[in-house]
Amino acid sequence: MENKPTFIELYETNTNEPRLNIMNYANTNLDEYAMYKGIPMEFRWNPVIREMMMTGNYRIRYRGGSKPQYGYVRNPFNTIAEYADTFAIYPK
Protein backbone atom coordinates (compact mmCIF):
# COMPACT_ATOMS: atom_id res chain seq x y z
CA MET A 1 0.00 0.00 0.00
CA GLU A 2 1.26 3.45 -0.94
CA ASN A 3 2.15 5.85 1.88
CA LYS A 4 0.49 9.21 1.30
CA PRO A 5 2.03 12.35 2.81
CA THR A 6 0.28 13.90 5.79
CA PHE A 7 -0.97 17.48 5.79
CA ILE A 8 1.99 18.52 7.93
CA GLU A 9 4.44 16.94 5.47
CA LEU A 10 2.71 18.72 2.58
CA TYR A 11 2.91 22.05 4.41
CA GLU A 12 6.60 21.58 5.20
CA THR A 13 7.48 20.38 1.70
CA ASN A 14 5.88 23.44 0.09
CA THR A 15 7.01 26.11 2.56
CA ASN A 16 9.69 27.51 0.22
CA GLU A 17 7.63 27.15 -2.95
CA PRO A 18 7.37 30.39 -5.00
CA ARG A 19 4.23 32.29 -4.07
CA LEU A 20 1.30 31.82 -6.42
CA ASN A 21 -0.17 34.93 -8.07
CA ILE A 22 -3.75 34.09 -7.10
CA MET A 23 -5.10 36.92 -9.27
CA ASN A 24 -4.27 34.80 -12.34
CA TYR A 25 -7.20 32.61 -11.28
CA ALA A 26 -9.67 35.32 -10.24
CA ASN A 27 -13.23 34.72 -11.37
CA THR A 28 -14.43 37.60 -13.54
CA ASN A 29 -17.91 36.17 -14.12
CA LEU A 30 -20.19 38.02 -11.71
CA ASP A 31 -22.89 35.34 -12.09
CA GLU A 32 -20.73 32.80 -10.24
CA TYR A 33 -20.01 32.63 -6.54
CA ALA A 34 -16.42 31.32 -6.72
CA MET A 35 -13.72 33.93 -6.07
CA TYR A 36 -10.95 31.93 -7.76
CA LYS A 37 -11.34 28.93 -10.04
CA GLY A 38 -9.38 26.64 -12.32
CA ILE A 39 -6.38 26.51 -9.96
CA PRO A 40 -4.28 23.42 -10.80
CA MET A 41 -3.89 20.89 -7.99
CA GLU A 42 -0.12 21.39 -8.00
CA PHE A 43 -0.78 24.69 -6.19
CA ARG A 44 -3.07 23.25 -3.48
CA TRP A 45 -0.35 23.46 -0.83
CA ASN A 46 1.15 26.76 -2.02
CA PRO A 47 1.79 29.20 0.85
CA VAL A 48 -0.73 31.69 -0.59
CA ILE A 49 -3.53 29.10 -0.62
CA ARG A 50 -2.50 27.81 2.78
CA GLU A 51 -2.64 31.32 4.28
CA MET A 52 -6.10 31.90 2.80
CA MET A 53 -7.41 28.65 4.25
CA MET A 54 -5.96 29.37 7.68
CA THR A 55 -8.14 32.49 7.99
CA GLY A 56 -11.24 30.30 8.04
CA ASN A 57 -13.01 32.64 5.61
CA TYR A 58 -12.79 30.40 2.54
CA ARG A 59 -13.59 26.88 1.44
CA ILE A 60 -12.24 24.75 -1.39
CA ARG A 61 -14.23 22.72 -3.89
CA TYR A 62 -12.33 20.20 -5.95
CA ARG A 63 -13.08 19.80 -9.66
CA GLY A 64 -12.30 17.04 -12.14
CA GLY A 65 -13.75 14.27 -14.19
CA SER A 66 -14.15 10.58 -13.51
CA LYS A 67 -10.98 8.48 -13.62
CA PRO A 68 -12.10 5.06 -14.92
CA GLN A 69 -8.48 3.86 -15.06
CA TYR A 70 -8.45 4.12 -11.24
CA GLY A 71 -12.00 2.85 -10.77
CA TYR A 72 -13.24 6.30 -9.72
CA VAL A 73 -16.60 7.53 -10.99
CA ARG A 74 -17.20 11.03 -9.70
CA ASN A 75 -20.30 12.45 -8.14
CA PRO A 76 -21.86 14.93 -10.63
CA PHE A 77 -21.60 17.74 -8.08
CA ASN A 78 -17.99 17.44 -6.95
CA THR A 79 -14.96 15.19 -6.76
CA ILE A 80 -12.51 14.25 -4.01
CA ALA A 81 -9.07 15.84 -3.75
CA GLU A 82 -7.25 12.64 -4.62
CA TYR A 83 -8.76 12.59 -8.13
CA ALA A 84 -9.19 16.33 -8.73
CA ASP A 85 -7.56 18.18 -11.62
CA THR A 86 -8.29 21.70 -10.38
CA PHE A 87 -9.96 23.45 -7.46
CA ALA A 88 -11.97 26.58 -6.80
CA ILE A 89 -12.01 28.85 -3.75
CA TYR A 90 -15.32 30.15 -2.38
CA PRO A 91 -16.03 32.60 0.45
CA LYS A 92 -17.76 31.05 3.47
PDB file of N, CA and C in Angstrom:
ATOM      1  N   MET A   1       0.838  -1.183   0.000  1.00  0.00           N
ATOM      2  CA  MET A   1       0.000   0.000   0.000  1.00  0.00           C
ATOM      3  C   MET A   1       0.884   1.247   0.000  1.00  0.00           C
ATOM      4  N   GLU A   2       0.497   2.217  -0.779  1.00  0.00           N
ATOM      5  CA  GLU A   2       1.264   3.447  -0.942  1.00  0.00           C
ATOM      6  C   GLU A   2       1.093   4.359   0.267  1.00  0.00           C
ATOM      7  N   ASN A   3       2.215   4.904   0.772  1.00  0.00           N
ATOM      8  CA  ASN A   3       2.152   5.848   1.882  1.00  0.00           C
ATOM      9  C   ASN A   3       1.917   7.246   1.333  1.00  0.00           C
ATOM     10  N   LYS A   4       0.814   7.858   1.741  1.00  0.00           N
ATOM     11  CA  LYS A   4       0.490   9.207   1.299  1.00  0.00           C
ATOM     12  C   LYS A   4       1.022  10.195   2.321  1.00  0.00           C
ATOM     13  N   PRO A   5       1.517  11.361   1.859  1.00  0.00           N
ATOM     14  CA  PRO A   5       2.028  12.352   2.811  1.00  0.00           C
ATOM     15  C   PRO A   5       0.911  12.921   3.671  1.00  0.00           C
ATOM     16  N   THR A   6       1.247  13.268   4.892  1.00  0.00           N
ATOM     17  CA  THR A   6       0.282  13.898   5.794  1.00  0.00           C
ATOM     18  C   THR A   6       0.186  15.377   5.459  1.00  0.00           C
ATOM     19  N   PHE A   7      -0.824  16.041   6.019  1.00  0.00           N
ATOM     20  CA  PHE A   7      -0.970  17.479   5.794  1.00  0.00           C
ATOM     21  C   PHE A   7       0.260  18.237   6.264  1.00  0.00           C
ATOM     22  N   ILE A   8       0.813  17.843   7.395  1.00  0.00           N
ATOM     23  CA  ILE A   8       1.993  18.525   7.926  1.00  0.00           C
ATOM     24  C   ILE A   8       3.167  18.355   6.975  1.00  0.00           C
ATOM     25  N   GLU A   9       3.355  17.166   6.431  1.00  0.00           N
ATOM     26  CA  GLU A   9       4.437  16.939   5.472  1.00  0.00           C
ATOM     27  C   GLU A   9       4.235  17.777   4.214  1.00  0.00           C
ATOM     28  N   LEU A  10       2.983  17.894   3.756  1.00  0.00           N
ATOM     29  CA  LEU A  10       2.705  18.718   2.579  1.00  0.00           C
ATOM     30  C   LEU A  10       2.992  20.182   2.855  1.00  0.00           C
ATOM     31  N   TYR A  11       2.620  20.659   4.034  1.00  0.00           N
ATOM     32  CA  TYR A  11       2.915  22.048   4.408  1.00  0.00           C
ATOM     33  C   TYR A  11       4.421  22.295   4.412  1.00  0.00           C
ATOM     34  N   GLU A  12       5.149  21.414   5.080  1.00  0.00           N
ATOM     35  CA  GLU A  12       6.600  21.582   5.203  1.00  0.00           C
ATOM     36  C   GLU A  12       7.298  21.485   3.857  1.00  0.00           C
ATOM     37  N   THR A  13       6.869  20.565   3.010  1.00  0.00           N
ATOM     38  CA  THR A  13       7.481  20.383   1.701  1.00  0.00           C
ATOM     39  C   THR A  13       7.317  21.623   0.835  1.00  0.00           C
ATOM     40  N   ASN A  14       6.189  22.305   0.956  1.00  0.00           N
ATOM     41  CA  ASN A  14       5.882  23.436   0.089  1.00  0.00           C
ATOM     42  C   ASN A  14       6.129  24.799   0.720  1.00  0.00           C
ATOM     43  N   THR A  15       6.778  24.850   1.866  1.00  0.00           N
ATOM     44  CA  THR A  15       7.013  26.110   2.559  1.00  0.00           C
ATOM     45  C   THR A  15       7.818  27.086   1.709  1.00  0.00           C
ATOM     46  N   ASN A  16       8.815  26.619   1.005  1.00  0.00           N
ATOM     47  CA  ASN A  16       9.686  27.506   0.220  1.00  0.00           C
ATOM     48  C   ASN A  16       9.281  27.595  -1.247  1.00  0.00           C
ATOM     49  N   GLU A  17       8.122  27.088  -1.576  1.00  0.00           N
ATOM     50  CA  GLU A  17       7.625  27.151  -2.950  1.00  0.00           C
ATOM     51  C   GLU A  17       7.365  28.615  -3.330  1.00  0.00           C
ATOM     52  N   PRO A  18       7.659  29.000  -4.593  1.00  0.00           N
ATOM     53  CA  PRO A  18       7.365  30.386  -5.002  1.00  0.00           C
ATOM     54  C   PRO A  18       5.884  30.685  -4.807  1.00  0.00           C
ATOM     55  N   ARG A  19       5.608  31.909  -4.360  1.00  0.00           N
ATOM     56  CA  ARG A  19       4.227  32.289  -4.065  1.00  0.00           C
ATOM     57  C   ARG A  19       3.405  32.402  -5.351  1.00  0.00           C
ATOM     58  N   LEU A  20       2.231  31.821  -5.310  1.00  0.00           N
ATOM     59  CA  LEU A  20       1.300  31.819  -6.423  1.00  0.00           C
ATOM     60  C   LEU A  20       0.669  33.199  -6.579  1.00  0.00           C
ATOM     61  N   ASN A  21       0.571  33.698  -7.815  1.00  0.00           N
ATOM     62  CA  ASN A  21      -0.174  34.929  -8.069  1.00  0.00           C
ATOM     63  C   ASN A  21      -1.639  34.524  -8.222  1.00  0.00           C
ATOM     64  N   ILE A  22      -2.365  34.574  -7.136  1.00  0.00           N
ATOM     65  CA  ILE A  22      -3.746  34.093  -7.104  1.00  0.00           C
ATOM     66  C   ILE A  22      -4.637  34.881  -8.052  1.00  0.00           C
ATOM     67  N   MET A  23      -4.278  36.095  -8.387  1.00  0.00           N
ATOM     68  CA  MET A  23      -5.099  36.916  -9.273  1.00  0.00           C
ATOM     69  C   MET A  23      -5.151  36.345 -10.692  1.00  0.00           C
ATOM     70  N   ASN A  24      -4.216  35.462 -11.036  1.00  0.00           N
ATOM     71  CA  ASN A  24      -4.270  34.797 -12.338  1.00  0.00           C
ATOM     72  C   ASN A  24      -5.481  33.878 -12.450  1.00  0.00           C
ATOM     73  N   TYR A  25      -6.067  33.535 -11.317  1.00  0.00           N
ATOM     74  CA  TYR A  25      -7.195  32.607 -11.285  1.00  0.00           C
ATOM     75  C   TYR A  25      -8.477  33.267 -10.776  1.00  0.00           C
ATOM     76  N   ALA A  26      -8.481  34.596 -10.715  1.00  0.00           N
ATOM     77  CA  ALA A  26      -9.665  35.317 -10.236  1.00  0.00           C
ATOM     78  C   ALA A  26     -10.841  35.089 -11.181  1.00  0.00           C
ATOM     79  N   ASN A  27     -12.011  34.926 -10.603  1.00  0.00           N
ATOM     80  CA  ASN A  27     -13.226  34.719 -11.371  1.00  0.00           C
ATOM     81  C   ASN A  27     -13.785  36.087 -11.770  1.00  0.00           C
ATOM     82  N   THR A  28     -13.910  36.325 -13.064  1.00  0.00           N
ATOM     83  CA  THR A  28     -14.432  37.605 -13.542  1.00  0.00           C
ATOM     84  C   THR A  28     -15.912  37.524 -13.897  1.00  0.00           C
ATOM     85  N   ASN A  29     -16.490  36.344 -13.811  1.00  0.00           N
ATOM     86  CA  ASN A  29     -17.906  36.166 -14.116  1.00  0.00           C
ATOM     87  C   ASN A  29     -18.718  36.487 -12.862  1.00  0.00           C
ATOM     88  N   LEU A  30     -19.440  37.576 -12.882  1.00  0.00           N
ATOM     89  CA  LEU A  30     -20.185  38.017 -11.708  1.00  0.00           C
ATOM     90  C   LEU A  30     -21.388  37.132 -11.399  1.00  0.00           C
ATOM     91  N   ASP A  31     -21.761  36.239 -12.325  1.00  0.00           N
ATOM     92  CA  ASP A  31     -22.887  35.337 -12.090  1.00  0.00           C
ATOM     93  C   ASP A  31     -22.492  34.110 -11.272  1.00  0.00           C
ATOM     94  N   GLU A  32     -21.212  33.957 -10.988  1.00  0.00           N
ATOM     95  CA  GLU A  32     -20.731  32.800 -10.240  1.00  0.00           C
ATOM     96  C   GLU A  32     -20.246  33.235  -8.869  1.00  0.00           C
ATOM     97  N   TYR A  33     -20.344  32.333  -7.919  1.00  0.00           N
ATOM     98  CA  TYR A  33     -20.010  32.634  -6.535  1.00  0.00           C
ATOM     99  C   TYR A  33     -18.522  32.438  -6.217  1.00  0.00           C
ATOM    100  N   ALA A  34     -17.830  31.603  -6.982  1.00  0.00           N
ATOM    101  CA  ALA A  34     -16.416  31.323  -6.717  1.00  0.00           C
ATOM    102  C   ALA A  34     -15.578  32.590  -6.877  1.00  0.00           C
ATOM    103  N   MET A  35     -14.632  32.786  -5.965  1.00  0.00           N
ATOM    104  CA  MET A  35     -13.723  33.930  -6.069  1.00  0.00           C
ATOM    105  C   MET A  35     -12.571  33.613  -7.020  1.00  0.00           C
ATOM    106  N   TYR A  36     -12.065  32.387  -6.925  1.00  0.00           N
ATOM    107  CA  TYR A  36     -10.952  31.930  -7.756  1.00  0.00           C
ATOM    108  C   TYR A  36     -11.306  30.546  -8.255  1.00  0.00           C
ATOM    109  N   LYS A  37     -11.008  30.262  -9.513  1.00  0.00           N
ATOM    110  CA  LYS A  37     -11.339  28.934 -10.036  1.00  0.00           C
ATOM    111  C   LYS A  37     -10.334  28.502 -11.084  1.00  0.00           C
ATOM    112  N   GLY A  38     -10.305  27.198 -11.335  1.00  0.00           N
ATOM    113  CA  GLY A  38      -9.384  26.638 -12.318  1.00  0.00           C
ATOM    114  C   GLY A  38      -7.955  26.561 -11.832  1.00  0.00           C
ATOM    115  N   ILE A  39      -7.738  26.564 -10.523  1.00  0.00           N
ATOM    116  CA  ILE A  39      -6.384  26.508  -9.963  1.00  0.00           C
ATOM    117  C   ILE A  39      -5.903  25.060 -10.033  1.00  0.00           C
ATOM    118  N   PRO A  40      -4.779  24.796 -10.695  1.00  0.00           N
ATOM    119  CA  PRO A  40      -4.277  23.422 -10.797  1.00  0.00           C
ATOM    120  C   PRO A  40      -3.940  22.839  -9.417  1.00  0.00           C
ATOM    121  N   MET A  41      -4.135  21.561  -9.267  1.00  0.00           N
ATOM    122  CA  MET A  41      -3.892  20.889  -7.986  1.00  0.00           C
ATOM    123  C   MET A  41      -2.447  21.010  -7.516  1.00  0.00           C
ATOM    124  N   GLU A  42      -1.520  21.243  -8.420  1.00  0.00           N
ATOM    125  CA  GLU A  42      -0.122  21.387  -8.002  1.00  0.00           C
ATOM    126  C   GLU A  42       0.069  22.580  -7.072  1.00  0.00           C
ATOM    127  N   PHE A  43      -0.885  23.518  -7.054  1.00  0.00           N
ATOM    128  CA  PHE A  43      -0.784  24.694  -6.191  1.00  0.00           C
ATOM    129  C   PHE A  43      -1.599  24.557  -4.913  1.00  0.00           C
ATOM    130  N   ARG A  44      -2.198  23.400  -4.655  1.00  0.00           N
ATOM    131  CA  ARG A  44      -3.070  23.250  -3.484  1.00  0.00           C
ATOM    132  C   ARG A  44      -2.348  23.566  -2.184  1.00  0.00           C
ATOM    133  N   TRP A  45      -1.091  23.236  -2.082  1.00  0.00           N
ATOM    134  CA  TRP A  45      -0.352  23.457  -0.830  1.00  0.00           C
ATOM    135  C   TRP A  45       0.571  24.662  -0.912  1.00  0.00           C
ATOM    136  N   ASN A  46       0.369  25.526  -1.889  1.00  0.00           N
ATOM    137  CA  ASN A  46       1.153  26.756  -2.020  1.00  0.00           C
ATOM    138  C   ASN A  46       0.926  27.633  -0.793  1.00  0.00           C
ATOM    139  N   PRO A  47       1.952  28.354  -0.337  1.00  0.00           N
ATOM    140  CA  PRO A  47       1.788  29.200   0.847  1.00  0.00           C
ATOM    141  C   PRO A  47       0.633  30.207   0.738  1.00  0.00           C
ATOM    142  N   VAL A  48       0.362  30.733  -0.437  1.00  0.00           N
ATOM    143  CA  VAL A  48      -0.732  31.690  -0.594  1.00  0.00           C
ATOM    144  C   VAL A  48      -2.071  31.015  -0.293  1.00  0.00           C
ATOM    145  N   ILE A  49      -2.290  29.840  -0.852  1.00  0.00           N
ATOM    146  CA  ILE A  49      -3.535  29.103  -0.618  1.00  0.00           C
ATOM    147  C   ILE A  49      -3.625  28.697   0.850  1.00  0.00           C
ATOM    148  N   ARG A  50      -2.528  28.234   1.382  1.00  0.00           N
ATOM    149  CA  ARG A  50      -2.495  27.806   2.784  1.00  0.00           C
ATOM    150  C   ARG A  50      -2.868  28.963   3.710  1.00  0.00           C
ATOM    151  N   GLU A  51      -2.330  30.151   3.445  1.00  0.00           N
ATOM    152  CA  GLU A  51      -2.644  31.325   4.277  1.00  0.00           C
ATOM    153  C   GLU A  51      -4.120  31.698   4.173  1.00  0.00           C
ATOM    154  N   MET A  52      -4.674  31.611   2.969  1.00  0.00           N
ATOM    155  CA  MET A  52      -6.099  31.903   2.803  1.00  0.00           C
ATOM    156  C   MET A  52      -6.947  30.938   3.615  1.00  0.00           C
ATOM    157  N   MET A  53      -6.620  29.653   3.556  1.00  0.00           N
ATOM    158  CA  MET A  53      -7.413  28.646   4.250  1.00  0.00           C
ATOM    159  C   MET A  53      -7.295  28.789   5.766  1.00  0.00           C
ATOM    160  N   MET A  54      -6.159  29.229   6.234  1.00  0.00           N
ATOM    161  CA  MET A  54      -5.956  29.365   7.679  1.00  0.00           C
ATOM    162  C   MET A  54      -6.792  30.500   8.274  1.00  0.00           C
ATOM    163  N   THR A  55      -7.289  31.416   7.455  1.00  0.00           N
ATOM    164  CA  THR A  55      -8.135  32.486   7.988  1.00  0.00           C
ATOM    165  C   THR A  55      -9.506  31.962   8.372  1.00  0.00           C
ATOM    166  N   GLY A  56      -9.929  30.853   7.767  1.00  0.00           N
ATOM    167  CA  GLY A  56     -11.241  30.296   8.042  1.00  0.00           C
ATOM    168  C   GLY A  56     -12.361  30.989   7.280  1.00  0.00           C
ATOM    169  N   ASN A  57     -12.007  31.881   6.359  1.00  0.00           N
ATOM    170  CA  ASN A  57     -13.013  32.636   5.610  1.00  0.00           C
ATOM    171  C   ASN A  57     -13.328  32.047   4.244  1.00  0.00           C
ATOM    172  N   TYR A  58     -12.648  30.977   3.876  1.00  0.00           N
ATOM    173  CA  TYR A  58     -12.790  30.404   2.538  1.00  0.00           C
ATOM    174  C   TYR A  58     -12.978  28.898   2.623  1.00  0.00           C
ATOM    175  N   ARG A  59     -13.491  28.330   1.549  1.00  0.00           N
ATOM    176  CA  ARG A  59     -13.588  26.879   1.439  1.00  0.00           C
ATOM    177  C   ARG A  59     -13.158  26.484   0.037  1.00  0.00           C
ATOM    178  N   ILE A  60     -12.713  25.258  -0.106  1.00  0.00           N
ATOM    179  CA  ILE A  60     -12.237  24.745  -1.390  1.00  0.00           C
ATOM    180  C   ILE A  60     -13.225  23.711  -1.902  1.00  0.00           C
ATOM    181  N   ARG A  61     -13.450  23.751  -3.209  1.00  0.00           N
ATOM    182  CA  ARG A  61     -14.229  22.722  -3.890  1.00  0.00           C
ATOM    183  C   ARG A  61     -13.334  22.163  -4.992  1.00  0.00           C
ATOM    184  N   TYR A  62     -13.189  20.861  -4.985  1.00  0.00           N
ATOM    185  CA  TYR A  62     -12.330  20.200  -5.953  1.00  0.00           C
ATOM    186  C   TYR A  62     -13.115  19.903  -7.219  1.00  0.00           C
ATOM    187  N   ARG A  63     -12.439  20.005  -8.365  1.00  0.00           N
ATOM    188  CA  ARG A  63     -13.076  19.802  -9.662  1.00  0.00           C
ATOM    189  C   ARG A  63     -12.267  18.811 -10.485  1.00  0.00           C
ATOM    190  N   GLY A  64     -12.951  18.006 -11.256  1.00  0.00           N
ATOM    191  CA  GLY A  64     -12.296  17.045 -12.139  1.00  0.00           C
ATOM    192  C   GLY A  64     -13.281  16.000 -12.613  1.00  0.00           C
ATOM    193  N   GLY A  65     -12.893  15.295 -13.620  1.00  0.00           N
ATOM    194  CA  GLY A  65     -13.755  14.270 -14.190  1.00  0.00           C
ATOM    195  C   GLY A  65     -13.545  12.923 -13.529  1.00  0.00           C
ATOM    196  N   SER A  66     -14.311  11.964 -13.981  1.00  0.00           N
ATOM    197  CA  SER A  66     -14.147  10.583 -13.514  1.00  0.00           C
ATOM    198  C   SER A  66     -12.799  10.050 -13.995  1.00  0.00           C
ATOM    199  N   LYS A  67     -12.260   9.110 -13.265  1.00  0.00           N
ATOM    200  CA  LYS A  67     -10.983   8.481 -13.615  1.00  0.00           C
ATOM    201  C   LYS A  67     -11.200   6.974 -13.696  1.00  0.00           C
ATOM    202  N   PRO A  68     -11.789   6.491 -14.817  1.00  0.00           N
ATOM    203  CA  PRO A  68     -12.095   5.063 -14.922  1.00  0.00           C
ATOM    204  C   PRO A  68     -10.862   4.173 -14.789  1.00  0.00           C
ATOM    205  N   GLN A  69      -9.690   4.654 -15.180  1.00  0.00           N
ATOM    206  CA  GLN A  69      -8.477   3.856 -15.065  1.00  0.00           C
ATOM    207  C   GLN A  69      -8.129   3.545 -13.614  1.00  0.00           C
ATOM    208  N   TYR A  70      -8.668   4.356 -12.666  1.00  0.00           N
ATOM    209  CA  TYR A  70      -8.452   4.122 -11.241  1.00  0.00           C
ATOM    210  C   TYR A  70      -9.705   3.574 -10.561  1.00  0.00           C
ATOM    211  N   GLY A  71     -10.757   3.346 -11.336  1.00  0.00           N
ATOM    212  CA  GLY A  71     -11.998   2.851 -10.769  1.00  0.00           C
ATOM    213  C   GLY A  71     -12.794   3.923 -10.053  1.00  0.00           C
ATOM    214  N   TYR A  72     -12.546   5.195 -10.386  1.00  0.00           N
ATOM    215  CA  TYR A  72     -13.239   6.305  -9.718  1.00  0.00           C
ATOM    216  C   TYR A  72     -14.271   6.914 -10.662  1.00  0.00           C
ATOM    217  N   VAL A  73     -15.526   6.870 -10.255  1.00  0.00           N
ATOM    218  CA  VAL A  73     -16.602   7.532 -10.987  1.00  0.00           C
ATOM    219  C   VAL A  73     -17.076   8.664 -10.092  1.00  0.00           C
ATOM    220  N   ARG A  74     -16.922   9.878 -10.564  1.00  0.00           N
ATOM    221  CA  ARG A  74     -17.196  11.031  -9.700  1.00  0.00           C
ATOM    222  C   ARG A  74     -18.679  11.295  -9.514  1.00  0.00           C
ATOM    223  N   ASN A  75     -18.978  11.914  -8.418  1.00  0.00           N
ATOM    224  CA  ASN A  75     -20.298  12.448  -8.135  1.00  0.00           C
ATOM    225  C   ASN A  75     -20.498  13.632  -9.089  1.00  0.00           C
ATOM    226  N   PRO A  76     -21.678  13.830  -9.669  1.00  0.00           N
ATOM    227  CA  PRO A  76     -21.856  14.928 -10.626  1.00  0.00           C
ATOM    228  C   PRO A  76     -21.673  16.318 -10.022  1.00  0.00           C
ATOM    229  N   PHE A  77     -21.687  16.424  -8.707  1.00  0.00           N
ATOM    230  CA  PHE A  77     -21.602  17.744  -8.082  1.00  0.00           C
ATOM    231  C   PHE A  77     -20.205  18.110  -7.600  1.00  0.00           C
ATOM    232  N   ASN A  78     -19.353  17.140  -7.412  1.00  0.00           N
ATOM    233  CA  ASN A  78     -17.994  17.435  -6.952  1.00  0.00           C
ATOM    234  C   ASN A  78     -17.118  16.203  -7.130  1.00  0.00           C
ATOM    235  N   THR A  79     -15.887  16.315  -6.721  1.00  0.00           N
ATOM    236  CA  THR A  79     -14.959  15.194  -6.757  1.00  0.00           C
ATOM    237  C   THR A  79     -14.126  15.254  -5.486  1.00  0.00           C
ATOM    238  N   ILE A  80     -13.364  14.230  -5.189  1.00  0.00           N
ATOM    239  CA  ILE A  80     -12.510  14.255  -4.014  1.00  0.00           C
ATOM    240  C   ILE A  80     -11.114  14.718  -4.421  1.00  0.00           C
ATOM    241  N   ALA A  81     -10.378  15.246  -3.470  1.00  0.00           N
ATOM    242  CA  ALA A  81      -9.069  15.843  -3.746  1.00  0.00           C
ATOM    243  C   ALA A  81      -8.121  14.879  -4.443  1.00  0.00           C
ATOM    244  N   GLU A  82      -8.165  13.634  -4.075  1.00  0.00           N
ATOM    245  CA  GLU A  82      -7.248  12.636  -4.623  1.00  0.00           C
ATOM    246  C   GLU A  82      -7.351  12.530  -6.143  1.00  0.00           C
ATOM    247  N   TYR A  83      -8.551  12.738  -6.702  1.00  0.00           N
ATOM    248  CA  TYR A  83      -8.764  12.593  -8.132  1.00  0.00           C
ATOM    249  C   TYR A  83      -9.031  13.924  -8.836  1.00  0.00           C
ATOM    250  N   ALA A  84      -8.883  15.023  -8.147  1.00  0.00           N
ATOM    251  CA  ALA A  84      -9.186  16.332  -8.733  1.00  0.00           C
ATOM    252  C   ALA A  84      -8.087  16.775  -9.691  1.00  0.00           C
ATOM    253  N   ASP A  85      -8.497  17.559 -10.691  1.00  0.00           N
ATOM    254  CA  ASP A  85      -7.561  18.181 -11.623  1.00  0.00           C
ATOM    255  C   ASP A  85      -7.313  19.631 -11.239  1.00  0.00           C
ATOM    256  N   THR A  86      -8.367  20.293 -10.782  1.00  0.00           N
ATOM    257  CA  THR A  86      -8.292  21.703 -10.377  1.00  0.00           C
ATOM    258  C   THR A  86      -9.138  21.886  -9.119  1.00  0.00           C
ATOM    259  N   PHE A  87      -9.082  23.106  -8.568  1.00  0.00           N
ATOM    260  CA  PHE A  87      -9.958  23.445  -7.460  1.00  0.00           C
ATOM    261  C   PHE A  87     -10.376  24.897  -7.554  1.00  0.00           C
ATOM    262  N   ALA A  88     -11.451  25.227  -6.852  1.00  0.00           N
ATOM    263  CA  ALA A  88     -11.973  26.579  -6.802  1.00  0.00           C
ATOM    264  C   ALA A  88     -12.041  27.009  -5.337  1.00  0.00           C
ATOM    265  N   ILE A  89     -11.944  28.315  -5.106  1.00  0.00           N
ATOM    266  CA  ILE A  89     -12.015  28.849  -3.755  1.00  0.00           C
ATOM    267  C   ILE A  89     -13.265  29.719  -3.654  1.00  0.00           C
ATOM    268  N   TYR A  90     -14.064  29.439  -2.626  1.00  0.00           N
ATOM    269  CA  TYR A  90     -15.315  30.153  -2.381  1.00  0.00           C
ATOM    270  C   TYR A  90     -15.244  30.858  -1.029  1.00  0.00           C
ATOM    271  N   PRO A  91     -15.916  32.004  -0.895  1.00  0.00           N
ATOM    272  CA  PRO A  91     -16.026  32.599   0.446  1.00  0.00           C
ATOM    273  C   PRO A  91     -17.001  31.781   1.283  1.00  0.00           C
ATOM    274  N   LYS A  92     -16.813  31.764   2.585  1.00  0.00           N
ATOM    275  CA  LYS A  92     -17.761  31.055   3.471  1.00  0.00           C
ATOM    276  C   LYS A  92     -18.940  31.939   3.757  1.00  0.00           C
TER     277      LYS A  92
END
